[in-house]
Amino acid sequence: MRGHVPDSSAAHPYEDWFDGLRGITACGDAHFAIVRDRCLHRPYVDEELWIAKITRALTSGPPVLTLEELACRTGLHEPEIRRAVAWHNGHGHRPPEGR
């Protein structure tokens, strides 16, 4: 069984209408309900979704050189980009050890 749950950390690699949805797979209805319920307890944070969109724009396609280009590629407005970056910086996101 397959389905989708809201997840602000999920940005689809190339189909932005799936942004904010995490695909889940389970072996049956009961298992699907358990997995879905676990996922639904996770808070949905707009800024986290925006960071996922920004990351996709910065890691695919031609380089983004200006804030205006980033806004165009993500569909976000400048204040949203600034809020997303502030949220990201405030949550102590660091690369994994050894990198």
Protein backbone atom coordinates (compact mmCIF):
# COMPACT_ATOMS: atom_id res chain seq x y z
CA MET A 1 0.00 0.00 0.00
CA ARG A 2 1.24 3.47 -0.88
CA GLY A 3 0.21 6.98 -0.04
CA HIS A 4 1.40 10.43 0.92
CA VAL A 5 1.57 12.33 4.20
CA PRO A 6 2.30 16.01 4.84
CA ASP A 7 6.03 16.54 5.48
CA SER A 8 7.60 19.97 5.37
CA SER A 9 11.08 18.49 4.87
CA ALA A 10 10.11 16.86 1.56
CA ALA A 11 10.74 18.49 -1.79
CA HIS A 12 10.27 16.36 -4.87
CA PRO A 13 13.39 16.30 -7.08
CA TYR A 14 11.60 17.73 -10.14
CA GLU A 15 7.81 17.89 -9.65
CA ASP A 16 7.14 20.78 -7.29
CA TRP A 17 3.43 20.03 -6.93
CA PHE A 18 4.55 17.12 -4.66
CA ASP A 19 6.56 19.45 -2.41
CA GLY A 20 5.49 19.07 1.20
CA LEU A 21 4.33 15.48 0.70
CA ARG A 22 6.30 12.38 1.70
CA GLY A 23 5.57 9.16 -0.10
CA ILE A 24 5.15 6.20 2.23
CA THR A 25 4.88 2.50 1.50
CA ALA A 26 3.53 -0.18 3.81
CA CYS A 27 2.73 -3.87 3.55
CA GLY A 28 -0.96 -3.47 4.38
CA ASP A 29 -3.69 -1.21 5.78
CA ALA A 30 -2.75 -1.69 9.45
CA HIS A 31 0.94 -1.04 8.81
CA PHE A 32 0.10 1.96 6.62
CA ALA A 33 -2.00 3.44 9.45
CA ILE A 34 0.90 3.05 11.89
CA VAL A 35 3.42 4.67 9.53
CA ARG A 36 0.98 7.45 8.60
CA ASP A 37 0.17 8.20 12.24
CA ARG A 38 3.88 8.44 13.13
CA CYS A 39 4.41 10.89 10.28
CA LEU A 40 1.38 13.00 11.16
CA HIS A 41 2.79 13.76 14.63
CA ARG A 42 5.71 15.60 13.07
CA PRO A 43 5.18 19.38 12.97
CA TYR A 44 4.77 20.99 9.54
CA VAL A 45 6.98 24.08 9.30
CA ASP A 46 6.68 26.32 6.24
CA GLU A 47 10.27 27.52 6.55
CA GLU A 48 11.50 23.90 6.46
CA LEU A 49 9.64 23.33 3.19
CA TRP A 50 11.05 26.56 1.78
CA ILE A 51 14.60 25.42 2.66
CA ALA A 52 13.93 22.16 0.82
CA LYS A 53 12.83 24.15 -2.24
CA ILE A 54 15.88 26.42 -1.98
CA THR A 55 18.20 23.42 -1.67
CA ARG A 56 16.67 21.85 -4.78
CA ALA A 57 17.15 25.10 -6.74
CA LEU A 58 20.75 25.45 -5.60
CA THR A 59 21.72 21.85 -6.34
CA SER A 60 20.08 21.38 -9.73
CA GLY A 61 20.10 23.24 -13.02
CA PRO A 62 22.18 26.32 -13.74
CA PRO A 63 23.78 28.22 -10.86
CA VAL A 64 21.61 30.76 -9.07
CA LEU A 65 23.45 34.06 -8.85
CA THR A 66 20.92 36.48 -7.37
CA LEU A 67 18.12 36.49 -4.84
CA GLU A 68 15.73 37.35 -7.68
CA GLU A 69 16.84 34.24 -9.63
CA LEU A 70 16.40 32.12 -6.52
CA ALA A 71 12.90 33.54 -6.01
CA CYS A 72 12.02 32.77 -9.62
CA ARG A 73 13.35 29.20 -9.42
CA THR A 74 11.63 28.41 -6.09
CA GLY A 75 8.38 30.33 -6.44
CA LEU A 76 9.14 32.00 -3.12
CA HIS A 77 9.24 35.71 -2.33
CA GLU A 78 12.33 37.37 -0.89
CA PRO A 79 10.88 37.62 2.67
CA GLU A 80 10.09 33.88 2.59
CA ILE A 81 13.64 33.08 1.46
CA ARG A 82 15.07 35.22 4.25
CA ARG A 83 12.77 33.58 6.85
CA ALA A 84 13.74 30.12 5.57
CA VAL A 85 17.46 30.87 5.83
CA ALA A 86 17.02 32.34 9.33
CA TRP A 87 15.02 29.25 10.38
CA HIS A 88 17.68 26.95 8.92
CA ASN A 89 20.53 28.81 10.61
CA GLY A 90 18.67 28.86 13.92
CA HIS A 91 18.15 25.11 13.98
CA GLY A 92 21.81 24.16 14.03
CA HIS A 93 21.83 22.30 10.72
CA ARG A 94 25.34 21.10 10.12
CA PRO A 95 26.85 18.68 7.64
CA PRO A 96 27.31 15.12 8.92
CA GLU A 97 30.58 14.36 10.75
CA GLY A 98 33.54 13.69 8.50
CA ARG A 99 32.53 16.11 5.75
